[in-house]
Each structure stands twice: as C-alpha cells, then as structure tokens.
PDB file of N, CA and C in Angstrom:
ATOM      1  N   MET A   1     170.693  83.291  43.929  1.00  0.00           N
ATOM      2  CA  MET A   1     169.741  82.202  43.801  1.00  0.00           C
ATOM      3  C   MET A   1     170.249  81.110  42.872  1.00  0.00           C
ATOM      4  N   PHE A   2     170.975  81.502  41.865  1.00  0.00           N
ATOM      5  CA  PHE A   2     171.369  80.530  40.852  1.00  0.00           C
ATOM      6  C   PHE A   2     172.807  80.058  40.989  1.00  0.00           C
ATOM      7  N   SER A   3     173.532  80.531  41.983  1.00  0.00           N
ATOM      8  CA  SER A   3     174.924  80.168  42.150  1.00  0.00           C
ATOM      9  C   SER A   3     175.067  78.978  43.092  1.00  0.00           C
ATOM     10  N   ASP A   4     175.466  77.826  42.527  1.00  0.00           N
ATOM     11  CA  ASP A   4     175.706  76.659  43.369  1.00  0.00           C
ATOM     12  C   ASP A   4     176.810  76.929  44.382  1.00  0.00           C
ATOM     13  N   GLN A   5     177.841  77.670  43.964  1.00  0.00           N
ATOM     14  CA  GLN A   5     178.945  77.982  44.872  1.00  0.00           C
ATOM     15  C   GLN A   5     178.460  78.751  46.088  1.00  0.00           C
ATOM     16  N   PHE A   6     177.568  79.712  45.866  1.00  0.00           N
ATOM     17  CA  PHE A   6     177.050  80.491  46.992  1.00  0.00           C
ATOM     18  C   PHE A   6     176.143  79.626  47.868  1.00  0.00           C
ATOM     19  N   ARG A   7     175.227  78.884  47.252  1.00  0.00           N
ATOM     20  CA  ARG A   7     174.265  78.076  48.013  1.00  0.00           C
ATOM     21  C   ARG A   7     174.935  77.019  48.874  1.00  0.00           C
ATOM     22  N   THR A   8     176.115  76.548  48.483  1.00  0.00           N
ATOM     23  CA  THR A   8     176.805  75.499  49.239  1.00  0.00           C
ATOM     24  C   THR A   8     177.995  76.038  50.028  1.00  0.00           C
ATOM     25  N   SER A   9     178.070  77.361  50.144  1.00  0.00           N
ATOM     26  CA  SER A   9     179.210  78.008  50.778  1.00  0.00           C
ATOM     27  C   SER A   9     179.211  77.834  52.301  1.00  0.00           C
ATOM     28  N   ASP A  10     180.424  77.687  52.853  1.00  0.00           N
ATOM     29  CA  ASP A  10     180.618  77.672  54.304  1.00  0.00           C
ATOM     30  C   ASP A  10     180.856  79.080  54.857  1.00  0.00           C
ATOM     31  N   GLN A  11     180.792  80.071  53.985  1.00  0.00           N
ATOM     32  CA  GLN A  11     181.002  81.455  54.404  1.00  0.00           C
ATOM     33  C   GLN A  11     179.986  81.820  55.487  1.00  0.00           C
ATOM     34  N   LEU A  12     180.455  82.546  56.492  1.00  0.00           N
ATOM     35  CA  LEU A  12     179.576  82.985  57.575  1.00  0.00           C
ATOM     36  C   LEU A  12     178.950  84.325  57.240  1.00  0.00           C
ATOM     37  N   ILE A  13     177.689  84.459  57.585  1.00  0.00           N
ATOM     38  CA  ILE A  13     177.020  85.750  57.500  1.00  0.00           C
ATOM     39  C   ILE A  13     176.555  86.098  58.907  1.00  0.00           C
ATOM     40  N   ALA A  14     176.692  87.363  59.252  1.00  0.00           N
ATOM     41  CA  ALA A  14     176.300  87.825  60.581  1.00  0.00           C
ATOM     42  C   ALA A  14     175.042  88.667  60.460  1.00  0.00           C
ATOM     43  N   LEU A  15     174.050  88.315  61.232  1.00  0.00           N
ATOM     44  CA  LEU A  15     172.775  89.024  61.282  1.00  0.00           C
ATOM     45  C   LEU A  15     172.466  89.317  62.744  1.00  0.00           C
ATOM     46  N   PRO A  16     171.565  90.222  63.027  1.00  0.00           N
ATOM     47  CA  PRO A  16     171.185  90.453  64.419  1.00  0.00           C
ATOM     48  C   PRO A  16     170.706  89.176  65.115  1.00  0.00           C
ATOM     49  N   GLU A  17     170.164  88.242  64.332  1.00  0.00           N
ATOM     50  CA  GLU A  17     169.654  86.991  64.884  1.00  0.00           C
ATOM     51  C   GLU A  17     170.748  85.969  65.148  1.00  0.00           C
ATOM     52  N   GLY A  18     171.982  86.237  64.711  1.00  0.00           N
ATOM     53  CA  GLY A  18     173.094  85.327  64.936  1.00  0.00           C
ATOM     54  C   GLY A  18     173.957  85.162  63.709  1.00  0.00           C
ATOM     55  N   GLN A  19     174.951  84.290  63.815  1.00  0.00           N
ATOM     56  CA  GLN A  19     175.827  83.972  62.689  1.00  0.00           C
ATOM     57  C   GLN A  19     175.398  82.644  62.091  1.00  0.00           C
ATOM     58  N   PHE A  20     175.425  82.607  60.756  1.00  0.00           N
ATOM     59  CA  PHE A  20     174.974  81.417  60.051  1.00  0.00           C
ATOM     60  C   PHE A  20     175.920  81.120  58.894  1.00  0.00           C
ATOM     61  N   ARG A  21     176.079  79.857  58.565  1.00  0.00           N
ATOM     62  CA  ARG A  21     176.749  79.479  57.325  1.00  0.00           C
ATOM     63  C   ARG A  21     175.742  79.676  56.201  1.00  0.00           C
ATOM     64  N   VAL A  22     176.200  80.196  55.089  1.00  0.00           N
ATOM     65  CA  VAL A  22     175.319  80.451  53.952  1.00  0.00           C
ATOM     66  C   VAL A  22     174.524  79.194  53.604  1.00  0.00           C
ATOM     67  N   LYS A  23     175.206  78.058  53.506  1.00  0.00           N
ATOM     68  CA  LYS A  23     174.532  76.826  53.082  1.00  0.00           C
ATOM     69  C   LYS A  23     173.461  76.363  54.062  1.00  0.00           C
ATOM     70  N   ASP A  24     173.545  76.793  55.308  1.00  0.00           N
ATOM     71  CA  ASP A  24     172.545  76.422  56.306  1.00  0.00           C
ATOM     72  C   ASP A  24     171.441  77.463  56.439  1.00  0.00           C
ATOM     73  N   PHE A  25     171.735  78.697  56.063  1.00  0.00           N
ATOM     74  CA  PHE A  25     170.797  79.787  56.293  1.00  0.00           C
ATOM     75  C   PHE A  25     169.751  79.923  55.193  1.00  0.00           C
ATOM     76  N   PHE A  26     170.168  79.843  53.940  1.00  0.00           N
ATOM     77  CA  PHE A  26     169.236  80.052  52.836  1.00  0.00           C
ATOM     78  C   PHE A  26     168.562  78.741  52.461  1.00  0.00           C
ATOM     79  N   VAL A  27     167.232  78.776  52.407  1.00  0.00           N
ATOM     80  CA  VAL A  27     166.439  77.572  52.134  1.00  0.00           C
ATOM     81  C   VAL A  27     165.532  77.849  50.944  1.00  0.00           C
ATOM     82  N   ALA A  28     165.664  77.036  49.907  1.00  0.00           N
ATOM     83  CA  ALA A  28     164.787  77.162  48.738  1.00  0.00           C
ATOM     84  C   ALA A  28     163.366  76.766  49.131  1.00  0.00           C
ATOM     85  N   PHE A  29     162.386  77.438  48.538  1.00  0.00           N
ATOM     86  CA  PHE A  29     160.990  77.131  48.861  1.00  0.00           C
ATOM     87  C   PHE A  29     160.694  75.642  48.738  1.00  0.00           C
ATOM     88  N   GLY A  30     161.254  74.996  47.741  1.00  0.00           N
ATOM     89  CA  GLY A  30     161.017  73.572  47.532  1.00  0.00           C
ATOM     90  C   GLY A  30     161.613  72.675  48.608  1.00  0.00           C
ATOM     91  N   GLN A  31     162.507  73.221  49.436  1.00  0.00           N
ATOM     92  CA  GLN A  31     163.143  72.459  50.511  1.00  0.00           C
ATOM     93  C   GLN A  31     162.535  72.752  51.886  1.00  0.00           C
ATOM     94  N   VAL A  32     161.555  73.644  51.927  1.00  0.00           N
ATOM     95  CA  VAL A  32     160.931  73.999  53.202  1.00  0.00           C
ATOM     96  C   VAL A  32     160.094  72.814  53.687  1.00  0.00           C
ATOM     97  N   ALA A  33     160.310  72.436  54.941  1.00  0.00           N
ATOM     98  CA  ALA A  33     159.599  71.300  55.533  1.00  0.00           C
ATOM     99  C   ALA A  33     159.322  71.586  57.009  1.00  0.00           C
ATOM    100  N   ALA A  34     158.451  70.788  57.592  1.00  0.00           N
ATOM    101  CA  ALA A  34     157.994  70.996  58.971  1.00  0.00           C
ATOM    102  C   ALA A  34     159.133  71.043  59.984  1.00  0.00           C
ATOM    103  N   HIS A  35     160.239  70.359  59.738  1.00  0.00           N
ATOM    104  CA  HIS A  35     161.337  70.382  60.713  1.00  0.00           C
ATOM    105  C   HIS A  35     161.969  71.777  60.838  1.00  0.00           C
ATOM    106  N   LEU A  36     161.646  72.685  59.911  1.00  0.00           N
ATOM    107  CA  LEU A  36     162.170  74.052  59.971  1.00  0.00           C
ATOM    108  C   LEU A  36     161.234  75.025  60.704  1.00  0.00           C
ATOM    109  N   VAL A  37     160.071  74.565  61.133  1.00  0.00           N
ATOM    110  CA  VAL A  37     159.141  75.438  61.856  1.00  0.00           C
ATOM    111  C   VAL A  37     159.858  76.022  63.065  1.00  0.00           C
ATOM    112  N   GLY A  38     159.751  77.333  63.214  1.00  0.00           N
ATOM    113  CA  GLY A  38     160.408  78.036  64.314  1.00  0.00           C
ATOM    114  C   GLY A  38     161.814  78.481  63.994  1.00  0.00           C
ATOM    115  N   GLU A  39     162.310  78.134  62.811  1.00  0.00           N
ATOM    116  CA  GLU A  39     163.677  78.483  62.418  1.00  0.00           C
ATOM    117  C   GLU A  39     163.700  79.792  61.624  1.00  0.00           C
ATOM    118  N   TYR A  40     164.579  80.697  62.038  1.00  0.00           N
ATOM    119  CA  TYR A  40     164.806  81.943  61.306  1.00  0.00           C
ATOM    120  C   TYR A  40     165.792  81.650  60.186  1.00  0.00           C
ATOM    121  N   ARG A  41     165.381  81.933  58.950  1.00  0.00           N
ATOM    122  CA  ARG A  41     166.210  81.669  57.778  1.00  0.00           C
ATOM    123  C   ARG A  41     165.879  82.675  56.679  1.00  0.00           C
ATOM    124  N   GLY A  42     166.652  82.582  55.620  1.00  0.00           N
ATOM    125  CA  GLY A  42     166.347  83.302  54.390  1.00  0.00           C
ATOM    126  C   GLY A  42     165.707  82.308  53.441  1.00  0.00           C
ATOM    127  N   TYR A  43     164.420  82.417  53.238  1.00  0.00           N
ATOM    128  CA  TYR A  43     163.665  81.497  52.393  1.00  0.00           C
ATOM    129  C   TYR A  43     163.483  82.150  51.026  1.00  0.00           C
ATOM    130  N   TRP A  44     163.694  81.381  49.967  1.00  0.00           N
ATOM    131  CA  TRP A  44     163.667  81.984  48.639  1.00  0.00           C
ATOM    132  C   TRP A  44     163.142  81.006  47.583  1.00  0.00           C
ATOM    133  N   GLY A  45     162.666  81.582  46.500  1.00  0.00           N
ATOM    134  CA  GLY A  45     162.229  80.766  45.375  1.00  0.00           C
ATOM    135  C   GLY A  45     161.231  81.490  44.505  1.00  0.00           C
ATOM    136  N   MET A  46     160.689  80.746  43.553  1.00  0.00           N
ATOM    137  CA  MET A  46     159.742  81.306  42.593  1.00  0.00           C
ATOM    138  C   MET A  46     158.328  81.265  43.163  1.00  0.00           C
ATOM    139  N   LEU A  47     157.589  82.321  42.861  1.00  0.00           N
ATOM    140  CA  LEU A  47     156.188  82.396  43.255  1.00  0.00           C
ATOM    141  C   LEU A  47     155.317  81.852  42.127  1.00  0.00           C
ATOM    142  N   SER A  48     154.396  80.988  42.466  1.00  0.00           N
ATOM    143  CA  SER A  48     153.475  80.470  41.461  1.00  0.00           C
ATOM    144  C   SER A  48     152.325  81.438  41.229  1.00  0.00           C
ATOM    145  N   ASP A  49     151.903  82.097  42.296  1.00  0.00           N
ATOM    146  CA  ASP A  49     150.795  83.051  42.205  1.00  0.00           C
ATOM    147  C   ASP A  49     150.728  83.855  43.493  1.00  0.00           C
ATOM    148  N   ALA A  50     149.855  84.841  43.491  1.00  0.00           N
ATOM    149  CA  ALA A  50     149.597  85.652  44.685  1.00  0.00           C
ATOM    150  C   ALA A  50     148.110  85.981  44.709  1.00  0.00           C
ATOM    151  N   ARG A  51     147.553  85.997  45.910  1.00  0.00           N
ATOM    152  CA  ARG A  51     146.110  86.243  46.052  1.00  0.00           C
ATOM    153  C   ARG A  51     145.838  87.029  47.320  1.00  0.00           C
ATOM    154  N   PHE A  52     144.742  87.780  47.274  1.00  0.00           N
ATOM    155  CA  PHE A  52     144.297  88.467  48.475  1.00  0.00           C
ATOM    156  C   PHE A  52     143.632  87.480  49.413  1.00  0.00           C
ATOM    157  N   GLY A  53     143.874  87.655  50.700  1.00  0.00           N
ATOM    158  CA  GLY A  53     143.247  86.831  51.722  1.00  0.00           C
ATOM    159  C   GLY A  53     141.955  87.447  52.215  1.00  0.00           C
ATOM    160  N   ARG A  54     141.321  86.781  53.150  1.00  0.00           N
ATOM    161  CA  ARG A  54     140.030  87.231  53.701  1.00  0.00           C
ATOM    162  C   ARG A  54     140.094  88.601  54.354  1.00  0.00           C
ATOM    163  N   ASN A  55     141.246  88.945  54.926  1.00  0.00           N
ATOM    164  CA  ASN A  55     141.366  90.205  55.660  1.00  0.00           C
ATOM    165  C   ASN A  55     142.094  91.287  54.869  1.00  0.00           C
ATOM    166  N   GLY A  56     142.251  91.086  53.552  1.00  0.00           N
ATOM    167  CA  GLY A  56     142.897  92.084  52.705  1.00  0.00           C
ATOM    168  C   GLY A  56     144.400  91.919  52.576  1.00  0.00           C
ATOM    169  N   GLU A  57     144.982  90.969  53.305  1.00  0.00           N
ATOM    170  CA  GLU A  57     146.404  90.690  53.188  1.00  0.00           C
ATOM    171  C   GLU A  57     146.663  90.020  51.846  1.00  0.00           C
ATOM    172  N   ILE A  58     147.924  89.926  51.459  1.00  0.00           N
ATOM    173  CA  ILE A  58     148.247  89.234  50.221  1.00  0.00           C
ATOM    174  C   ILE A  58     149.085  88.002  50.547  1.00  0.00           C
ATOM    175  N   TRP A  59     148.740  86.896  49.894  1.00  0.00           N
ATOM    176  CA  TRP A  59     149.456  85.637  50.058  1.00  0.00           C
ATOM    177  C   TRP A  59     150.301  85.387  48.834  1.00  0.00           C
ATOM    178  N   LEU A  60     151.600  85.244  49.033  1.00  0.00           N
ATOM    179  CA  LEU A  60     152.541  84.929  47.967  1.00  0.00           C
ATOM    180  C   LEU A  60     152.774  83.420  48.042  1.00  0.00           C
ATOM    181  N   ASN A  61     152.327  82.704  47.047  1.00  0.00           N
ATOM    182  CA  ASN A  61     152.348  81.244  47.080  1.00  0.00           C
ATOM    183  C   ASN A  61     153.458  80.678  46.216  1.00  0.00           C
ATOM    184  N   SER A  62     154.088  79.625  46.735  1.00  0.00           N
ATOM    185  CA  SER A  62     155.147  78.962  45.970  1.00  0.00           C
ATOM    186  C   SER A  62     154.646  77.662  45.359  1.00  0.00           C
ATOM    187  N   GLY A  63     153.377  77.395  45.500  1.00  0.00           N
ATOM    188  CA  GLY A  63     152.776  76.177  44.969  1.00  0.00           C
ATOM    189  C   GLY A  63     151.437  75.950  45.636  1.00  0.00           C
ATOM    190  N   GLY A  64     151.086  74.695  45.830  1.00  0.00           N
ATOM    191  CA  GLY A  64     149.804  74.339  46.424  1.00  0.00           C
ATOM    192  C   GLY A  64     149.810  74.376  47.937  1.00  0.00           C
ATOM    193  N   GLN A  65     148.799  73.752  48.532  1.00  0.00           N
ATOM    194  CA  GLN A  65     148.611  73.753  49.983  1.00  0.00           C
ATOM    195  C   GLN A  65     149.824  73.200  50.729  1.00  0.00           C
ATOM    196  N   GLN A  66     150.514  72.247  50.134  1.00  0.00           N
ATOM    197  CA  GLN A  66     151.663  71.629  50.794  1.00  0.00           C
ATOM    198  C   GLN A  66     152.926  72.478  50.692  1.00  0.00           C
ATOM    199  N   ASN A  67     152.916  73.539  49.877  1.00  0.00           N
ATOM    200  CA  ASN A  67     154.089  74.398  49.696  1.00  0.00           C
ATOM    201  C   ASN A  67     154.001  75.634  50.578  1.00  0.00           C
ATOM    202  N   VAL A  68     155.161  76.198  50.891  1.00  0.00           N
ATOM    203  CA  VAL A  68     155.229  77.376  51.747  1.00  0.00           C
ATOM    204  C   VAL A  68     154.630  78.601  51.037  1.00  0.00           C
ATOM    205  N   SER A  69     153.997  79.449  51.828  1.00  0.00           N
ATOM    206  CA  SER A  69     153.473  80.729  51.350  1.00  0.00           C
ATOM    207  C   SER A  69     153.967  81.830  52.271  1.00  0.00           C
ATOM    208  N   THR A  70     153.949  83.047  51.757  1.00  0.00           N
ATOM    209  CA  THR A  70     154.304  84.214  52.565  1.00  0.00           C
ATOM    210  C   THR A  70     153.103  85.128  52.608  1.00  0.00           C
ATOM    211  N   VAL A  71     152.720  85.537  53.792  1.00  0.00           N
ATOM    212  CA  VAL A  71     151.604  86.463  53.939  1.00  0.00           C
ATOM    213  C   VAL A  71     152.172  87.844  54.240  1.00  0.00           C
ATOM    214  N   VAL A  72     151.754  88.832  53.437  1.00  0.00           N
ATOM    215  CA  VAL A  72     152.188  90.218  53.625  1.00  0.00           C
ATOM    216  C   VAL A  72     151.049  90.961  54.311  1.00  0.00           C
ATOM    217  N   ASN A  73     151.342  91.506  55.472  1.00  0.00           N
ATOM    218  CA  ASN A  73     150.386  92.226  56.301  1.00  0.00           C
ATOM    219  C   ASN A  73     149.663  93.296  55.494  1.00  0.00           C
ATOM    220  N   VAL A  74     148.356  93.418  55.675  1.00  0.00           N
ATOM    221  CA  VAL A  74     147.524  94.353  54.916  1.00  0.00           C
ATOM    222  C   VAL A  74     148.018  95.799  55.038  1.00  0.00           C
ATOM    223  N   GLU A  75     148.537  96.179  56.197  1.00  0.00           N
ATOM    224  CA  GLU A  75     149.018  97.551  56.381  1.00  0.00           C
ATOM    225  C   GLU A  75     150.226  97.862  55.508  1.00  0.00           C
ATOM    226  N   LEU A  76     150.941  96.836  55.066  1.00  0.00           N
ATOM    227  CA  LEU A  76     152.133  97.027  54.239  1.00  0.00           C
ATOM    228  C   LEU A  76     151.825  97.068  52.743  1.00  0.00           C
ATOM    229  N   LEU A  77     150.617  96.711  52.351  1.00  0.00           N
ATOM    230  CA  LEU A  77     150.310  96.560  50.928  1.00  0.00           C
ATOM    231  C   LEU A  77     150.513  97.819  50.089  1.00  0.00           C
ATOM    232  N   PRO A  78     150.131  99.008  50.559  1.00  0.00           N
ATOM    233  CA  PRO A  78     150.387 100.183  49.710  1.00  0.00           C
ATOM    234  C   PRO A  78     151.882 100.358  49.386  1.00  0.00           C
ATOM    235  N   GLU A  79     152.735 100.257  50.387  1.00  0.00           N
ATOM    236  CA  GLU A  79     154.174 100.398  50.159  1.00  0.00           C
ATOM    237  C   GLU A  79     154.728  99.209  49.372  1.00  0.00           C
ATOM    238  N   PHE A  80     154.253  98.009  49.662  1.00  0.00           N
ATOM    239  CA  PHE A  80     154.671  96.812  48.930  1.00  0.00           C
ATOM    240  C   PHE A  80     154.348  96.981  47.443  1.00  0.00           C
ATOM    241  N   SER A  81     153.151  97.430  47.144  1.00  0.00           N
ATOM    242  CA  SER A  81     152.731  97.633  45.743  1.00  0.00           C
ATOM    243  C   SER A  81     153.558  98.715  45.069  1.00  0.00           C
ATOM    244  N   ARG A  82     153.839  99.806  45.773  1.00  0.00           N
ATOM    245  CA  ARG A  82     154.680 100.879  45.202  1.00  0.00           C
ATOM    246  C   ARG A  82     156.098 100.379  44.945  1.00  0.00           C
ATOM    247  N   ARG A  83     156.669  99.733  45.934  1.00  0.00           N
ATOM    248  CA  ARG A  83     158.053  99.284  45.831  1.00  0.00           C
ATOM    249  C   ARG A  83     158.261  98.331  44.654  1.00  0.00           C
ATOM    250  N   PHE A  84     157.323  97.414  44.469  1.00  0.00           N
ATOM    251  CA  PHE A  84     157.490  96.411  43.420  1.00  0.00           C
ATOM    252  C   PHE A  84     156.651  96.693  42.173  1.00  0.00           C
ATOM    253  N   ARG A  85     156.061  97.886  42.124  1.00  0.00           N
ATOM    254  CA  ARG A  85     155.293  98.363  40.960  1.00  0.00           C
ATOM    255  C   ARG A  85     154.208  97.373  40.537  1.00  0.00           C
ATOM    256  N   LEU A  86     153.409  97.001  41.514  1.00  0.00           N
ATOM    257  CA  LEU A  86     152.355  96.020  41.268  1.00  0.00           C
ATOM    258  C   LEU A  86     151.031  96.711  41.022  1.00  0.00           C
ATOM    259  N   GLU A  87     150.335  96.220  40.040  1.00  0.00           N
ATOM    260  CA  GLU A  87     148.977  96.693  39.801  1.00  0.00           C
ATOM    261  C   GLU A  87     147.963  95.715  40.377  1.00  0.00           C
ATOM    262  N   GLU A  88     148.311  94.412  40.328  1.00  0.00           N
ATOM    263  CA  GLU A  88     147.453  93.377  40.880  1.00  0.00           C
ATOM    264  C   GLU A  88     148.319  92.196  41.301  1.00  0.00           C
ATOM    265  N   PRO A  89     147.806  91.361  42.175  1.00  0.00           N
ATOM    266  CA  PRO A  89     148.604  90.231  42.673  1.00  0.00           C
ATOM    267  C   PRO A  89     149.138  89.329  41.564  1.00  0.00           C
ATOM    268  N   GLU A  90     148.390  89.174  40.496  1.00  0.00           N
ATOM    269  CA  GLU A  90     148.807  88.305  39.389  1.00  0.00           C
ATOM    270  C   GLU A  90     150.178  88.706  38.828  1.00  0.00           C
ATOM    271  N   ASP A  91     150.559  89.965  39.008  1.00  0.00           N
ATOM    272  CA  ASP A  91     151.855  90.444  38.508  1.00  0.00           C
ATOM    273  C   ASP A  91     153.022  89.678  39.134  1.00  0.00           C
ATOM    274  N   LEU A  92     152.778  89.012  40.248  1.00  0.00           N
ATOM    275  CA  LEU A  92     153.841  88.303  40.966  1.00  0.00           C
ATOM    276  C   LEU A  92     154.053  86.864  40.491  1.00  0.00           C
ATOM    277  N   ALA A  93     153.176  86.345  39.655  1.00  0.00           N
ATOM    278  CA  ALA A  93     153.339  84.981  39.150  1.00  0.00           C
ATOM    279  C   ALA A  93     154.644  84.891  38.359  1.00  0.00           C
ATOM    280  N   GLY A  94     155.494  83.957  38.731  1.00  0.00           N
ATOM    281  CA  GLY A  94     156.778  83.770  38.064  1.00  0.00           C
ATOM    282  C   GLY A  94     157.908  84.602  38.633  1.00  0.00           C
ATOM    283  N   ALA A  95     157.601  85.474  39.594  1.00  0.00           N
ATOM    284  CA  ALA A  95     158.637  86.292  40.232  1.00  0.00           C
ATOM    285  C   ALA A  95     159.394  85.443  41.252  1.00  0.00           C
ATOM    286  N   TYR A  96     160.582  85.889  41.605  1.00  0.00           N
ATOM    287  CA  TYR A  96     161.352  85.264  42.673  1.00  0.00           C
ATOM    288  C   TYR A  96     161.249  86.140  43.917  1.00  0.00           C
ATOM    289  N   ALA A  97     161.182  85.500  45.076  1.00  0.00           N
ATOM    290  CA  ALA A  97     161.118  86.229  46.342  1.00  0.00           C
ATOM    291  C   ALA A  97     162.190  85.702  47.290  1.00  0.00           C
ATOM    292  N   LEU A  98     162.671  86.588  48.123  1.00  0.00           N
ATOM    293  CA  LEU A  98     163.565  86.245  49.226  1.00  0.00           C
ATOM    294  C   LEU A  98     162.939  86.852  50.470  1.00  0.00           C
ATOM    295  N   VAL A  99     162.666  85.991  51.442  1.00  0.00           N
ATOM    296  CA  VAL A  99     161.996  86.423  52.668  1.00  0.00           C
ATOM    297  C   VAL A  99     162.845  85.988  53.860  1.00  0.00           C
ATOM    298  N   PHE A 100     163.221  86.935  54.692  1.00  0.00           N
ATOM    299  CA  PHE A 100     163.908  86.628  55.939  1.00  0.00           C
ATOM    300  C   PHE A 100     162.836  86.534  57.015  1.00  0.00           C
ATOM    301  N   GLY A 101     162.780  85.389  57.686  1.00  0.00           N
ATOM    302  CA  GLY A 101     161.761  85.244  58.711  1.00  0.00           C
ATOM    303  C   GLY A 101     161.792  83.891  59.375  1.00  0.00           C
ATOM    304  N   THR A 102     160.845  83.706  60.264  1.00  0.00           N
ATOM    305  CA  THR A 102     160.702  82.470  61.022  1.00  0.00           C
ATOM    306  C   THR A 102     159.532  81.691  60.445  1.00  0.00           C
ATOM    307  N   LEU A 103     159.791  80.457  60.081  1.00  0.00           N
ATOM    308  CA  LEU A 103     158.759  79.619  59.493  1.00  0.00           C
ATOM    309  C   LEU A 103     157.711  79.262  60.537  1.00  0.00           C
ATOM    310  N   GLY A 104     156.452  79.423  60.139  1.00  0.00           N
ATOM    311  CA  GLY A 104     155.337  79.054  61.006  1.00  0.00           C
ATOM    312  C   GLY A 104     154.514  77.946  60.387  1.00  0.00           C
ATOM    313  N   LYS A 105     153.607  77.406  61.188  1.00  0.00           N
ATOM    314  CA  LYS A 105     152.708  76.354  60.711  1.00  0.00           C
ATOM    315  C   LYS A 105     151.323  76.649  61.274  1.00  0.00           C
ATOM    316  N   SER A 106     150.348  76.771  60.374  1.00  0.00           N
ATOM    317  CA  SER A 106     148.988  77.079  60.814  1.00  0.00           C
ATOM    318  C   SER A 106     148.326  75.855  61.427  1.00  0.00           C
ATOM    319  N   SER A 107     147.156  76.064  62.021  1.00  0.00           N
ATOM    320  CA  SER A 107     146.436  74.962  62.651  1.00  0.00           C
ATOM    321  C   SER A 107     146.006  73.896  61.637  1.00  0.00           C
ATOM    322  N   ASN A 108     145.900  74.292  60.360  1.00  0.00           N
ATOM    323  CA  ASN A 108     145.535  73.300  59.338  1.00  0.00           C
ATOM    324  C   ASN A 108     146.774  72.708  58.651  1.00  0.00           C
ATOM    325  N   GLY A 109     147.971  73.022  59.178  1.00  0.00           N
ATOM    326  CA  GLY A 109     149.205  72.417  58.675  1.00  0.00           C
ATOM    327  C   GLY A 109     149.921  73.201  57.590  1.00  0.00           C
ATOM    328  N   LYS A 110     149.404  74.358  57.206  1.00  0.00           N
ATOM    329  CA  LYS A 110     150.025  75.173  56.163  1.00  0.00           C
ATOM    330  C   LYS A 110     151.309  75.810  56.699  1.00  0.00           C
ATOM    331  N   LEU A 111     152.421  75.630  55.966  1.00  0.00           N
ATOM    332  CA  LEU A 111     153.687  76.286  56.313  1.00  0.00           C
ATOM    333  C   LEU A 111     153.671  77.682  55.710  1.00  0.00           C
ATOM    334  N   TYR A 112     154.066  78.670  56.526  1.00  0.00           N
ATOM    335  CA  TYR A 112     153.992  80.049  56.049  1.00  0.00           C
ATOM    336  C   TYR A 112     155.070  80.911  56.695  1.00  0.00           C
ATOM    337  N   LEU A 113     155.316  82.028  56.034  1.00  0.00           N
ATOM    338  CA  LEU A 113     156.181  83.087  56.553  1.00  0.00           C
ATOM    339  C   LEU A 113     155.318  84.327  56.666  1.00  0.00           C
ATOM    340  N   ALA A 114     155.417  85.043  57.766  1.00  0.00           N
ATOM    341  CA  ALA A 114     154.648  86.265  57.957  1.00  0.00           C
ATOM    342  C   ALA A 114     155.559  87.461  57.736  1.00  0.00           C
ATOM    343  N   CYS A 115     155.192  88.298  56.801  1.00  0.00           N
ATOM    344  CA  CYS A 115     155.966  89.514  56.531  1.00  0.00           C
ATOM    345  C   CYS A 115     155.257  90.696  57.174  1.00  0.00           C
ATOM    346  N   ASN A 116     155.853  91.200  58.245  1.00  0.00           N
ATOM    347  CA  ASN A 116     155.305  92.353  58.958  1.00  0.00           C
ATOM    348  C   ASN A 116     156.214  93.566  58.854  1.00  0.00           C
ATOM    349  N   ASP A 117     157.259  93.459  58.035  1.00  0.00           N
ATOM    350  CA  ASP A 117     158.227  94.539  57.857  1.00  0.00           C
ATOM    351  C   ASP A 117     158.862  94.366  56.477  1.00  0.00           C
ATOM    352  N   LEU A 118     158.742  95.357  55.633  1.00  0.00           N
ATOM    353  CA  LEU A 118     159.229  95.251  54.254  1.00  0.00           C
ATOM    354  C   LEU A 118     160.750  95.210  54.147  1.00  0.00           C
ATOM    355  N   ARG A 119     161.446  95.435  55.239  1.00  0.00           N
ATOM    356  CA  ARG A 119     162.898  95.304  55.195  1.00  0.00           C
ATOM    357  C   ARG A 119     163.320  93.846  55.052  1.00  0.00           C
ATOM    358  N   TYR A 120     162.398  92.914  55.286  1.00  0.00           N
ATOM    359  CA  TYR A 120     162.726  91.495  55.299  1.00  0.00           C
ATOM    360  C   TYR A 120     162.208  90.725  54.089  1.00  0.00           C
ATOM    361  N   ILE A 121     161.862  91.443  53.035  1.00  0.00           N
ATOM    362  CA  ILE A 121     161.380  90.782  51.821  1.00  0.00           C
ATOM    363  C   ILE A 121     161.837  91.559  50.593  1.00  0.00           C
ATOM    364  N   THR A 122     162.154  90.827  49.546  1.00  0.00           N
ATOM    365  CA  THR A 122     162.388  91.442  48.248  1.00  0.00           C
ATOM    366  C   THR A 122     161.814  90.523  47.198  1.00  0.00           C
ATOM    367  N   VAL A 123     161.429  91.122  46.081  1.00  0.00           N
ATOM    368  CA  VAL A 123     160.838  90.388  44.980  1.00  0.00           C
ATOM    369  C   VAL A 123     161.517  90.824  43.697  1.00  0.00           C
ATOM    370  N   SER A 124     161.884  89.852  42.882  1.00  0.00           N
ATOM    371  CA  SER A 124     162.448  90.113  41.565  1.00  0.00           C
ATOM    372  C   SER A 124     161.409  89.670  40.554  1.00  0.00           C
ATOM    373  N   LEU A 125     160.786  90.653  39.918  1.00  0.00           N
ATOM    374  CA  LEU A 125     159.693  90.352  38.998  1.00  0.00           C
ATOM    375  C   LEU A 125     160.194  89.711  37.712  1.00  0.00           C
ATOM    376  N   ALA A 126     159.356  88.828  37.168  1.00  0.00           N
ATOM    377  CA  ALA A 126     159.668  88.195  35.878  1.00  0.00           C
ATOM    378  C   ALA A 126     159.675  89.266  34.798  1.00  0.00           C
ATOM    379  N   ASP A 127     160.539  89.081  33.821  1.00  0.00           N
ATOM    380  CA  ASP A 127     160.611  90.051  32.730  1.00  0.00           C
ATOM    381  C   ASP A 127     159.492  89.876  31.738  1.00  0.00           C
TER     382      ASP A 127
END
C-alpha cells in the first residue's frame, strides 16, 4: 500500500480473471470513480468507519456517500468477525482494507464492492 515503486509497477500479475499490470490493477479508494464500474480490480485504502446495514450486513466505508464502500454479506459476518478479531464494527475505523472485486453502482449512485467470499478481502487493523 505504501510502496510507490509497487503502485507504479509494470509488473504483470496473473489471476483467474486475467493478467494485469500492477499499476492498472490496484486502485486506491480515493481514486475510485464511476468509469471503473464493472471493472474487476484490487481496491484498497483506509476505512473511515463500518456500520451494520438494514439486513444485518456490514458496510465498510471509506468516507461519505460519494466514496466507495464495501458490503460484507451477512452470512459471512461470523467468520469475518473471527478472522479479524472484531467485537463491533467501530473496531474497523482507521483500518486498511484490500478488496478484490467488481465495482458496482447502486440505483442512488453509491459506488460499492460486494464481498460474498472472504478469500477476496483482507483487513489490517489499526494498532
């Protein structure tokens, strides 16, 4: 996350979804924009907060309404909480997340990533 050399690298990475240049594949949360909707990438950055949604899912937010969020499916929450040793969503404020997925856009214009498999997300908690 903090290596300029890595973020700007032309090195190729191979994934089941295809081959990508590092500099094209990883997108910081602050750089996520509507032109990336439908694009499979590695999205990463700091979480400002996390909250439960109406259906019991958890929303990992990188800022306000205009910023990208990641929704973690309610069925994954027990394992998600165990894996990252969470007692409550607030524990994620200030943490860094890396999410592999396809950017979506809700009917109200919210950009989001849907996490339906814990193999595609990791969180580094703030110390």
